[in-house]
Amino acid sequence: MLPVSYYIALSAILFSIGALGVLIRRNAIIIFMSVELMLNAANLAFVAFARSYESLSGQVFVFFIMTVAAAEVAVGLALIVAIFRSKHNIDVDQMSSLKG
């Protein structure tokens, strides 16, 4: 059995990669994928701590995070498709104004 610190280190690396993806990239789909990577890093940390403390509360948090992430992806991709249909581009710098 691996120590919890390995899981937390992996979670921190994944979260850092996701945060860099959100801050550096300008494509909306890449930004959504980076947000999902950050949510999965938090899930990994919750499961690692839940396993360490032999509690099921971490898995309950993961379930709710996965539910929120699924809703976020559905709404986010619908917005991206709607913006792409009107502007023919999904560059985040050009989406600063949402005027019709």
PDB file of N, CA and C in Angstrom:
ATOM      1  N   MET A   1       0.837  -1.182   0.000  1.00  0.00           N
ATOM      2  CA  MET A   1       0.000   0.000   0.000  1.00  0.00           C
ATOM      3  C   MET A   1       0.883   1.247   0.000  1.00  0.00           C
ATOM      4  N   LEU A   2       0.594   2.153  -0.921  1.00  0.00           N
ATOM      5  CA  LEU A   2       1.369   3.384  -1.042  1.00  0.00           C
ATOM      6  C   LEU A   2       0.964   4.384   0.039  1.00  0.00           C
ATOM      7  N   PRO A   3       1.914   5.181   0.483  1.00  0.00           N
ATOM      8  CA  PRO A   3       1.550   6.214   1.465  1.00  0.00           C
ATOM      9  C   PRO A   3       0.663   7.287   0.831  1.00  0.00           C
ATOM     10  N   VAL A   4      -0.079   7.974   1.676  1.00  0.00           N
ATOM     11  CA  VAL A   4      -1.005   9.007   1.225  1.00  0.00           C
ATOM     12  C   VAL A   4      -0.249  10.170   0.577  1.00  0.00           C
ATOM     13  N   SER A   5       0.964  10.404   0.997  1.00  0.00           N
ATOM     14  CA  SER A   5       1.725  11.533   0.445  1.00  0.00           C
ATOM     15  C   SER A   5       1.966  11.373  -1.050  1.00  0.00           C
ATOM     16  N   TYR A   6       2.086  10.150  -1.552  1.00  0.00           N
ATOM     17  CA  TYR A   6       2.250   9.938  -2.990  1.00  0.00           C
ATOM     18  C   TYR A   6       0.994  10.380  -3.748  1.00  0.00           C
ATOM     19  N   TYR A   7      -0.155  10.013  -3.216  1.00  0.00           N
ATOM     20  CA  TYR A   7      -1.404  10.401  -3.858  1.00  0.00           C
ATOM     21  C   TYR A   7      -1.596  11.914  -3.825  1.00  0.00           C
ATOM     22  N   ILE A   8      -1.238  12.532  -2.719  1.00  0.00           N
ATOM     23  CA  ILE A   8      -1.386  13.978  -2.590  1.00  0.00           C
ATOM     24  C   ILE A   8      -0.408  14.698  -3.515  1.00  0.00           C
ATOM     25  N   ALA A   9       0.804  14.162  -3.648  1.00  0.00           N
ATOM     26  CA  ALA A   9       1.768  14.761  -4.570  1.00  0.00           C
ATOM     27  C   ALA A   9       1.266  14.662  -6.011  1.00  0.00           C
ATOM     28  N   LEU A  10       0.723  13.508  -6.388  1.00  0.00           N
ATOM     29  CA  LEU A  10       0.161  13.356  -7.727  1.00  0.00           C
ATOM     30  C   LEU A  10      -1.021  14.301  -7.923  1.00  0.00           C
ATOM     31  N   SER A  11      -1.842  14.439  -6.900  1.00  0.00           N
ATOM     32  CA  SER A  11      -2.980  15.351  -6.971  1.00  0.00           C
ATOM     33  C   SER A  11      -2.505  16.791  -7.148  1.00  0.00           C
ATOM     34  N   ALA A  12      -1.462  17.178  -6.444  1.00  0.00           N
ATOM     35  CA  ALA A  12      -0.925  18.540  -6.566  1.00  0.00           C
ATOM     36  C   ALA A  12      -0.339  18.780  -7.955  1.00  0.00           C
ATOM     37  N   ILE A  13       0.333  17.776  -8.513  1.00  0.00           N
ATOM     38  CA  ILE A  13       0.890  17.908  -9.865  1.00  0.00           C
ATOM     39  C   ILE A  13      -0.233  18.053 -10.885  1.00  0.00           C
ATOM     40  N   LEU A  14      -1.268  17.214 -10.778  1.00  0.00           N
ATOM     41  CA  LEU A  14      -2.397  17.303 -11.704  1.00  0.00           C
ATOM     42  C   LEU A  14      -3.112  18.651 -11.589  1.00  0.00           C
ATOM     43  N   PHE A  15      -3.293  19.117 -10.348  1.00  0.00           N
ATOM     44  CA  PHE A  15      -3.951  20.407 -10.148  1.00  0.00           C
ATOM     45  C   PHE A  15      -3.121  21.534 -10.738  1.00  0.00           C
ATOM     46  N   SER A  16      -1.805  21.474 -10.581  1.00  0.00           N
ATOM     47  CA  SER A  16      -0.928  22.509 -11.137  1.00  0.00           C
ATOM     48  C   SER A  16      -0.979  22.526 -12.656  1.00  0.00           C
ATOM     49  N   ILE A  17      -0.996  21.341 -13.276  1.00  0.00           N
ATOM     50  CA  ILE A  17      -1.099  21.270 -14.726  1.00  0.00           C
ATOM     51  C   ILE A  17      -2.429  21.861 -15.185  1.00  0.00           C
ATOM     52  N   GLY A  18      -3.504  21.548 -14.472  1.00  0.00           N
ATOM     53  CA  GLY A  18      -4.808  22.110 -14.814  1.00  0.00           C
ATOM     54  C   GLY A  18      -4.846  23.619 -14.651  1.00  0.00           C
ATOM     55  N   ALA A  19      -4.268  24.118 -13.570  1.00  0.00           N
ATOM     56  CA  ALA A  19      -4.258  25.568 -13.349  1.00  0.00           C
ATOM     57  C   ALA A  19      -3.444  26.282 -14.419  1.00  0.00           C
ATOM     58  N   LEU A  20      -2.316  25.699 -14.806  1.00  0.00           N
ATOM     59  CA  LEU A  20      -1.527  26.291 -15.891  1.00  0.00           C
ATOM     60  C   LEU A  20      -2.299  26.273 -17.205  1.00  0.00           C
ATOM     61  N   GLY A  21      -3.037  25.210 -17.446  1.00  0.00           N
ATOM     62  CA  GLY A  21      -3.850  25.139 -18.658  1.00  0.00           C
ATOM     63  C   GLY A  21      -4.921  26.207 -18.693  1.00  0.00           C
ATOM     64  N   VAL A  22      -5.519  26.488 -17.551  1.00  0.00           N
ATOM     65  CA  VAL A  22      -6.544  27.539 -17.498  1.00  0.00           C
ATOM     66  C   VAL A  22      -5.918  28.916 -17.697  1.00  0.00           C
ATOM     67  N   LEU A  23      -4.764  29.136 -17.107  1.00  0.00           N
ATOM     68  CA  LEU A  23      -4.149  30.455 -17.167  1.00  0.00           C
ATOM     69  C   LEU A  23      -3.446  30.742 -18.487  1.00  0.00           C
ATOM     70  N   ILE A  24      -2.892  29.732 -19.130  1.00  0.00           N
ATOM     71  CA  ILE A  24      -2.070  29.959 -20.318  1.00  0.00           C
ATOM     72  C   ILE A  24      -2.854  29.819 -21.614  1.00  0.00           C
ATOM     73  N   ARG A  25      -3.678  28.790 -21.730  1.00  0.00           N
ATOM     74  CA  ARG A  25      -4.341  28.512 -22.996  1.00  0.00           C
ATOM     75  C   ARG A  25      -5.501  29.465 -23.248  1.00  0.00           C
ATOM     76  N   ARG A  26      -5.835  29.664 -24.513  1.00  0.00           N
ATOM     77  CA  ARG A  26      -6.909  30.570 -24.892  1.00  0.00           C
ATOM     78  C   ARG A  26      -8.063  29.860 -25.580  1.00  0.00           C
ATOM     79  N   ASN A  27      -7.962  28.574 -25.809  1.00  0.00           N
ATOM     80  CA  ASN A  27      -9.046  27.813 -26.429  1.00  0.00           C
ATOM     81  C   ASN A  27     -10.022  27.392 -25.335  1.00  0.00           C
ATOM     82  N   ALA A  28     -11.298  27.648 -25.553  1.00  0.00           N
ATOM     83  CA  ALA A  28     -12.298  27.385 -24.518  1.00  0.00           C
ATOM     84  C   ALA A  28     -12.399  25.900 -24.180  1.00  0.00           C
ATOM     85  N   ILE A  29     -12.251  25.038 -25.167  1.00  0.00           N
ATOM     86  CA  ILE A  29     -12.345  23.598 -24.902  1.00  0.00           C
ATOM     87  C   ILE A  29     -11.168  23.134 -24.059  1.00  0.00           C
ATOM     88  N   ILE A  30      -9.977  23.640 -24.335  1.00  0.00           N
ATOM     89  CA  ILE A  30      -8.800  23.298 -23.530  1.00  0.00           C
ATOM     90  C   ILE A  30      -8.966  23.812 -22.102  1.00  0.00           C
ATOM     91  N   ILE A  31      -9.567  24.980 -21.949  1.00  0.00           N
ATOM     92  CA  ILE A  31      -9.803  25.520 -20.607  1.00  0.00           C
ATOM     93  C   ILE A  31     -10.771  24.626 -19.835  1.00  0.00           C
ATOM     94  N   PHE A  32     -11.838  24.165 -20.506  1.00  0.00           N
ATOM     95  CA  PHE A  32     -12.768  23.248 -19.835  1.00  0.00           C
ATOM     96  C   PHE A  32     -12.091  21.933 -19.462  1.00  0.00           C
ATOM     97  N   MET A  33     -11.225  21.430 -20.335  1.00  0.00           N
ATOM     98  CA  MET A  33     -10.497  20.201 -20.008  1.00  0.00           C
ATOM     99  C   MET A  33      -9.557  20.412 -18.823  1.00  0.00           C
ATOM    100  N   SER A  34      -8.959  21.602 -18.732  1.00  0.00           N
ATOM    101  CA  SER A  34      -8.082  21.910 -17.608  1.00  0.00           C
ATOM    102  C   SER A  34      -8.861  22.016 -16.299  1.00  0.00           C
ATOM    103  N   VAL A  35     -10.061  22.584 -16.367  1.00  0.00           N
ATOM    104  CA  VAL A  35     -10.911  22.645 -15.166  1.00  0.00           C
ATOM    105  C   VAL A  35     -11.289  21.235 -14.721  1.00  0.00           C
ATOM    106  N   GLU A  36     -11.595  20.371 -15.679  1.00  0.00           N
ATOM    107  CA  GLU A  36     -11.910  18.976 -15.342  1.00  0.00           C
ATOM    108  C   GLU A  36     -10.709  18.280 -14.714  1.00  0.00           C
ATOM    109  N   LEU A  37      -9.513  18.588 -15.199  1.00  0.00           N
ATOM    110  CA  LEU A  37      -8.302  18.005 -14.617  1.00  0.00           C
ATOM    111  C   LEU A  37      -8.125  18.469 -13.172  1.00  0.00           C
ATOM    112  N   MET A  38      -8.428  19.728 -12.901  1.00  0.00           N
ATOM    113  CA  MET A  38      -8.333  20.234 -11.533  1.00  0.00           C
ATOM    114  C   MET A  38      -9.377  19.575 -10.629  1.00  0.00           C
ATOM    115  N   LEU A  39     -10.579  19.366 -11.139  1.00  0.00           N
ATOM    116  CA  LEU A  39     -11.609  18.684 -10.340  1.00  0.00           C
ATOM    117  C   LEU A  39     -11.216  17.234 -10.058  1.00  0.00           C
ATOM    118  N   ASN A  40     -10.614  16.569 -11.039  1.00  0.00           N
ATOM    119  CA  ASN A  40     -10.172  15.192 -10.816  1.00  0.00           C
ATOM    120  C   ASN A  40      -9.007  15.125  -9.828  1.00  0.00           C
ATOM    121  N   ALA A  41      -8.172  16.145  -9.812  1.00  0.00           N
ATOM    122  CA  ALA A  41      -7.101  16.201  -8.814  1.00  0.00           C
ATOM    123  C   ALA A  41      -7.688  16.323  -7.407  1.00  0.00           C
ATOM    124  N   ALA A  42      -8.720  17.136  -7.279  1.00  0.00           N
ATOM    125  CA  ALA A  42      -9.392  17.251  -5.973  1.00  0.00           C
ATOM    126  C   ALA A  42     -10.050  15.927  -5.600  1.00  0.00           C
ATOM    127  N   ASN A  43     -10.640  15.239  -6.575  1.00  0.00           N
ATOM    128  CA  ASN A  43     -11.237  13.926  -6.310  1.00  0.00           C
ATOM    129  C   ASN A  43     -10.204  12.939  -5.803  1.00  0.00           C
ATOM    130  N   LEU A  44      -9.042  12.945  -6.428  1.00  0.00           N
ATOM    131  CA  LEU A  44      -7.972  12.035  -5.995  1.00  0.00           C
ATOM    132  C   LEU A  44      -7.554  12.320  -4.553  1.00  0.00           C
ATOM    133  N   ALA A  45      -7.457  13.588  -4.203  1.00  0.00           N
ATOM    134  CA  ALA A  45      -7.094  13.947  -2.829  1.00  0.00           C
ATOM    135  C   ALA A  45      -8.175  13.514  -1.846  1.00  0.00           C
ATOM    136  N   PHE A  46      -9.442  13.720  -2.199  1.00  0.00           N
ATOM    137  CA  PHE A  46     -10.533  13.294  -1.324  1.00  0.00           C
ATOM    138  C   PHE A  46     -10.512  11.786  -1.102  1.00  0.00           C
ATOM    139  N   VAL A  47     -10.320  11.018  -2.167  1.00  0.00           N
ATOM    140  CA  VAL A  47     -10.311   9.561  -2.036  1.00  0.00           C
ATOM    141  C   VAL A  47      -9.101   9.103  -1.236  1.00  0.00           C
ATOM    142  N   ALA A  48      -7.959   9.750  -1.439  1.00  0.00           N
ATOM    143  CA  ALA A  48      -6.752   9.361  -0.693  1.00  0.00           C
ATOM    144  C   ALA A  48      -6.934   9.605   0.804  1.00  0.00           C
ATOM    145  N   PHE A  49      -7.485  10.764   1.153  1.00  0.00           N
ATOM    146  CA  PHE A  49      -7.708  11.047   2.571  1.00  0.00           C
ATOM    147  C   PHE A  49      -8.798  10.159   3.155  1.00  0.00           C
ATOM    148  N   ALA A  50      -9.813   9.863   2.373  1.00  0.00           N
ATOM    149  CA  ALA A  50     -10.876   8.979   2.868  1.00  0.00           C
ATOM    150  C   ALA A  50     -10.338   7.577   3.124  1.00  0.00           C
ATOM    151  N   ARG A  51      -9.466   7.119   2.244  1.00  0.00           N
ATOM    152  CA  ARG A  51      -8.862   5.795   2.451  1.00  0.00           C
ATOM    153  C   ARG A  51      -7.923   5.803   3.652  1.00  0.00           C
ATOM    154  N   SER A  52      -7.213   6.917   3.823  1.00  0.00           N
ATOM    155  CA  SER A  52      -6.286   7.024   4.941  1.00  0.00           C
ATOM    156  C   SER A  52      -7.013   7.006   6.284  1.00  0.00           C
ATOM    157  N   TYR A  53      -8.131   7.727   6.355  1.00  0.00           N
ATOM    158  CA  TYR A  53      -8.874   7.813   7.608  1.00  0.00           C
ATOM    159  C   TYR A  53      -9.993   6.781   7.710  1.00  0.00           C
ATOM    160  N   GLU A  54     -10.091   5.896   6.718  1.00  0.00           N
ATOM    161  CA  GLU A  54     -11.090   4.827   6.693  1.00  0.00           C
ATOM    162  C   GLU A  54     -12.503   5.374   6.899  1.00  0.00           C
ATOM    163  N   SER A  55     -12.825   6.386   6.099  1.00  0.00           N
ATOM    164  CA  SER A  55     -14.117   7.031   6.154  1.00  0.00           C
ATOM    165  C   SER A  55     -14.715   7.079   4.753  1.00  0.00           C
ATOM    166  N   LEU A  56     -16.024   7.057   4.664  1.00  0.00           N
ATOM    167  CA  LEU A  56     -16.677   7.118   3.361  1.00  0.00           C
ATOM    168  C   LEU A  56     -17.044   8.533   2.939  1.00  0.00           C
ATOM    169  N   SER A  57     -16.766   9.508   3.769  1.00  0.00           N
ATOM    170  CA  SER A  57     -17.159  10.879   3.448  1.00  0.00           C
ATOM    171  C   SER A  57     -16.410  11.407   2.226  1.00  0.00           C
ATOM    172  N   GLY A  58     -15.188  10.960   1.997  1.00  0.00           N
ATOM    173  CA  GLY A  58     -14.438  11.382   0.817  1.00  0.00           C
ATOM    174  C   GLY A  58     -15.099  10.917  -0.465  1.00  0.00           C
ATOM    175  N   GLN A  59     -15.603   9.673  -0.465  1.00  0.00           N
ATOM    176  CA  GLN A  59     -16.293   9.174  -1.653  1.00  0.00           C
ATOM    177  C   GLN A  59     -17.602   9.919  -1.901  1.00  0.00           C
ATOM    178  N   VAL A  60     -18.252  10.351  -0.838  1.00  0.00           N
ATOM    179  CA  VAL A  60     -19.487  11.131  -0.994  1.00  0.00           C
ATOM    180  C   VAL A  60     -19.174  12.471  -1.647  1.00  0.00           C
ATOM    181  N   PHE A  61     -18.090  13.135  -1.207  1.00  0.00           N
ATOM    182  CA  PHE A  61     -17.678  14.385  -1.834  1.00  0.00           C
ATOM    183  C   PHE A  61     -17.331  14.176  -3.304  1.00  0.00           C
ATOM    184  N   VAL A  62     -16.653  13.075  -3.607  1.00  0.00           N
ATOM    185  CA  VAL A  62     -16.293  12.779  -4.995  1.00  0.00           C
ATOM    186  C   VAL A  62     -17.542  12.606  -5.847  1.00  0.00           C
ATOM    187  N   PHE A  63     -18.552  11.945  -5.303  1.00  0.00           N
ATOM    188  CA  PHE A  63     -19.801  11.776  -6.046  1.00  0.00           C
ATOM    189  C   PHE A  63     -20.426  13.119  -6.389  1.00  0.00           C
ATOM    190  N   PHE A  64     -20.465  14.034  -5.431  1.00  0.00           N
ATOM    191  CA  PHE A  64     -21.042  15.345  -5.686  1.00  0.00           C
ATOM    192  C   PHE A  64     -20.184  16.154  -6.654  1.00  0.00           C
ATOM    193  N   ILE A  65     -18.871  16.055  -6.551  1.00  0.00           N
ATOM    194  CA  ILE A  65     -17.990  16.764  -7.476  1.00  0.00           C
ATOM    195  C   ILE A  65     -18.183  16.250  -8.893  1.00  0.00           C
ATOM    196  N   MET A  66     -18.325  14.938  -9.050  1.00  0.00           N
ATOM    197  CA  MET A  66     -18.547  14.376 -10.385  1.00  0.00           C
ATOM    198  C   MET A  66     -19.881  14.838 -10.957  1.00  0.00           C
ATOM    199  N   THR A  67     -20.892  14.958 -10.117  1.00  0.00           N
ATOM    200  CA  THR A  67     -22.193  15.436 -10.570  1.00  0.00           C
ATOM    201  C   THR A  67     -22.113  16.889 -11.023  1.00  0.00           C
ATOM    202  N   VAL A  68     -21.453  17.724 -10.245  1.00  0.00           N
ATOM    203  CA  VAL A  68     -21.291  19.129 -10.610  1.00  0.00           C
ATOM    204  C   VAL A  68     -20.446  19.257 -11.872  1.00  0.00           C
ATOM    205  N   ALA A  69     -19.407  18.427 -12.003  1.00  0.00           N
ATOM    206  CA  ALA A  69     -18.553  18.476 -13.189  1.00  0.00           C
ATOM    207  C   ALA A  69     -19.326  18.079 -14.441  1.00  0.00           C
ATOM    208  N   ALA A  70     -20.199  17.103 -14.340  1.00  0.00           N
ATOM    209  CA  ALA A  70     -20.998  16.689 -15.495  1.00  0.00           C
ATOM    210  C   ALA A  70     -21.950  17.805 -15.910  1.00  0.00           C
ATOM    211  N   ALA A  71     -22.561  18.462 -14.939  1.00  0.00           N
ATOM    212  CA  ALA A  71     -23.451  19.579 -15.258  1.00  0.00           C
ATOM    213  C   ALA A  71     -22.667  20.743 -15.856  1.00  0.00           C
ATOM    214  N   GLU A  72     -21.480  20.990 -15.328  1.00  0.00           N
ATOM    215  CA  GLU A  72     -20.641  22.075 -15.840  1.00  0.00           C
ATOM    216  C   GLU A  72     -20.230  21.814 -17.280  1.00  0.00           C
ATOM    217  N   VAL A  73     -19.900  20.587 -17.599  1.00  0.00           N
ATOM    218  CA  VAL A  73     -19.514  20.251 -18.965  1.00  0.00           C
ATOM    219  C   VAL A  73     -20.697  20.401 -19.912  1.00  0.00           C
ATOM    220  N   ALA A  74     -21.864  19.961 -19.497  1.00  0.00           N
ATOM    221  CA  ALA A  74     -23.038  20.062 -20.362  1.00  0.00           C
ATOM    222  C   ALA A  74     -23.380  21.525 -20.651  1.00  0.00           C
ATOM    223  N   VAL A  75     -23.397  22.357 -19.628  1.00  0.00           N
ATOM    224  CA  VAL A  75     -23.725  23.775 -19.820  1.00  0.00           C
ATOM    225  C   VAL A  75     -22.601  24.485 -20.575  1.00  0.00           C
ATOM    226  N   GLY A  76     -21.365  24.189 -20.212  1.00  0.00           N
ATOM    227  CA  GLY A  76     -20.226  24.839 -20.861  1.00  0.00           C
ATOM    228  C   GLY A  76     -20.128  24.513 -22.336  1.00  0.00           C
ATOM    229  N   LEU A  77     -20.294  23.251 -22.691  1.00  0.00           N
ATOM    230  CA  LEU A  77     -20.227  22.895 -24.105  1.00  0.00           C
ATOM    231  C   LEU A  77     -21.404  23.455 -24.886  1.00  0.00           C
ATOM    232  N   ALA A  78     -22.574  23.545 -24.260  1.00  0.00           N
ATOM    233  CA  ALA A  78     -23.712  24.175 -24.936  1.00  0.00           C
ATOM    234  C   ALA A  78     -23.424  25.653 -25.199  1.00  0.00           C
ATOM    235  N   LEU A  79     -22.806  26.330 -24.242  1.00  0.00           N
ATOM    236  CA  LEU A  79     -22.440  27.733 -24.451  1.00  0.00           C
ATOM    237  C   LEU A  79     -21.382  27.872 -25.545  1.00  0.00           C
ATOM    238  N   ILE A  80     -20.403  26.976 -25.555  1.00  0.00           N
ATOM    239  CA  ILE A  80     -19.359  27.035 -26.578  1.00  0.00           C
ATOM    240  C   ILE A  80     -19.959  26.830 -27.964  1.00  0.00           C
ATOM    241  N   VAL A  81     -20.860  25.874 -28.103  1.00  0.00           N
ATOM    242  CA  VAL A  81     -21.500  25.634 -29.405  1.00  0.00           C
ATOM    243  C   VAL A  81     -22.330  26.842 -29.823  1.00  0.00           C
ATOM    244  N   ALA A  82     -23.051  27.435 -28.899  1.00  0.00           N
ATOM    245  CA  ALA A  82     -23.866  28.613 -29.230  1.00  0.00           C
ATOM    246  C   ALA A  82     -22.993  29.794 -29.646  1.00  0.00           C
ATOM    247  N   ILE A  83     -21.894  30.011 -28.953  1.00  0.00           N
ATOM    248  CA  ILE A  83     -20.995  31.113 -29.306  1.00  0.00           C
ATOM    249  C   ILE A  83     -20.306  30.831 -30.636  1.00  0.00           C
ATOM    250  N   PHE A  84     -19.921  29.576 -30.873  1.00  0.00           N
ATOM    251  CA  PHE A  84     -19.272  29.236 -32.132  1.00  0.00           C
ATOM    252  C   PHE A  84     -20.214  29.431 -33.314  1.00  0.00           C
ATOM    253  N   ARG A  85     -21.481  29.123 -33.120  1.00  0.00           N
ATOM    254  CA  ARG A  85     -22.452  29.315 -34.208  1.00  0.00           C
ATOM    255  C   ARG A  85     -22.628  30.784 -34.558  1.00  0.00           C
ATOM    256  N   SER A  86     -22.534  31.652 -33.570  1.00  0.00           N
ATOM    257  CA  SER A  86     -22.749  33.071 -33.852  1.00  0.00           C
ATOM    258  C   SER A  86     -21.466  33.789 -34.289  1.00  0.00           C
ATOM    259  N   LYS A  87     -20.329  33.446 -33.695  1.00  0.00           N
ATOM    260  CA  LYS A  87     -19.085  34.177 -33.973  1.00  0.00           C
ATOM    261  C   LYS A  87     -18.104  33.404 -34.852  1.00  0.00           C
ATOM    262  N   HIS A  88     -18.314  32.112 -35.051  1.00  0.00           N
ATOM    263  CA  HIS A  88     -17.436  31.244 -35.845  1.00  0.00           C
ATOM    264  C   HIS A  88     -16.012  31.193 -35.304  1.00  0.00           C
ATOM    265  N   ASN A  89     -15.875  31.383 -34.000  1.00  0.00           N
ATOM    266  CA  ASN A  89     -14.569  31.312 -33.349  1.00  0.00           C
ATOM    267  C   ASN A  89     -14.810  31.084 -31.861  1.00  0.00           C
ATOM    268  N   ILE A  90     -13.923  30.318 -31.210  1.00  0.00           N
ATOM    269  CA  ILE A  90     -14.080  30.080 -29.774  1.00  0.00           C
ATOM    270  C   ILE A  90     -12.857  30.548 -28.994  1.00  0.00           C
ATOM    271  N   ASP A  91     -12.148  31.528 -29.545  1.00  0.00           N
ATOM    272  CA  ASP A  91     -11.006  32.096 -28.840  1.00  0.00           C
ATOM    273  C   ASP A  91     -11.518  32.933 -27.673  1.00  0.00           C
ATOM    274  N   VAL A  92     -10.962  32.716 -26.495  1.00  0.00           N
ATOM    275  CA  VAL A  92     -11.492  33.363 -25.291  1.00  0.00           C
ATOM    276  C   VAL A  92     -11.217  34.862 -25.302  1.00  0.00           C
ATOM    277  N   ASP A  93     -10.140  35.286 -25.926  1.00  0.00           N
ATOM    278  CA  ASP A  93      -9.849  36.722 -25.985  1.00  0.00           C
ATOM    279  C   ASP A  93     -10.892  37.470 -26.803  1.00  0.00           C
ATOM    280  N   GLN A  94     -11.458  36.817 -27.804  1.00  0.00           N
ATOM    281  CA  GLN A  94     -12.450  37.473 -28.643  1.00  0.00           C
ATOM    282  C   GLN A  94     -13.852  37.349 -28.074  1.00  0.00           C
ATOM    283  N   MET A  95     -14.036  36.583 -27.004  1.00  0.00           N
ATOM    284  CA  MET A  95     -15.339  36.433 -26.382  1.00  0.00           C
ATOM    285  C   MET A  95     -15.536  37.369 -25.204  1.00  0.00           C
ATOM    286  N   SER A  96     -14.797  38.465 -25.165  1.00  0.00           N
ATOM    287  CA  SER A  96     -14.898  39.350 -24.013  1.00  0.00           C
ATOM    288  C   SER A  96     -16.249  40.046 -23.932  1.00  0.00           C
ATOM    289  N   SER A  97     -16.885  40.270 -25.068  1.00  0.00           N
ATOM    290  CA  SER A  97     -18.216  40.857 -25.034  1.00  0.00           C
ATOM    291  C   SER A  97     -19.209  39.841 -25.587  1.00  0.00           C
ATOM    292  N   LEU A  98     -20.284  39.636 -24.876  1.00  0.00           N
ATOM    293  CA  LEU A  98     -21.292  38.677 -25.284  1.00  0.00           C
ATOM    294  C   LEU A  98     -22.495  39.380 -25.908  1.00  0.00           C
ATOM    295  N   LYS A  99     -22.220  40.438 -26.647  1.00  0.00           N
ATOM    296  CA  LYS A  99     -23.297  41.161 -27.323  1.00  0.00           C
ATOM    297  C   LYS A  99     -23.723  40.383 -28.545  1.00  0.00           C
ATOM    298  N   GLY A 100     -24.997  40.509 -28.932  1.00  0.00           N
ATOM    299  CA  GLY A 100     -25.543  39.766 -30.065  1.00  0.00           C
ATOM    300  C   GLY A 100     -25.199  40.299 -31.381  1.00  0.00           C
TER     301      GLY A 100
END
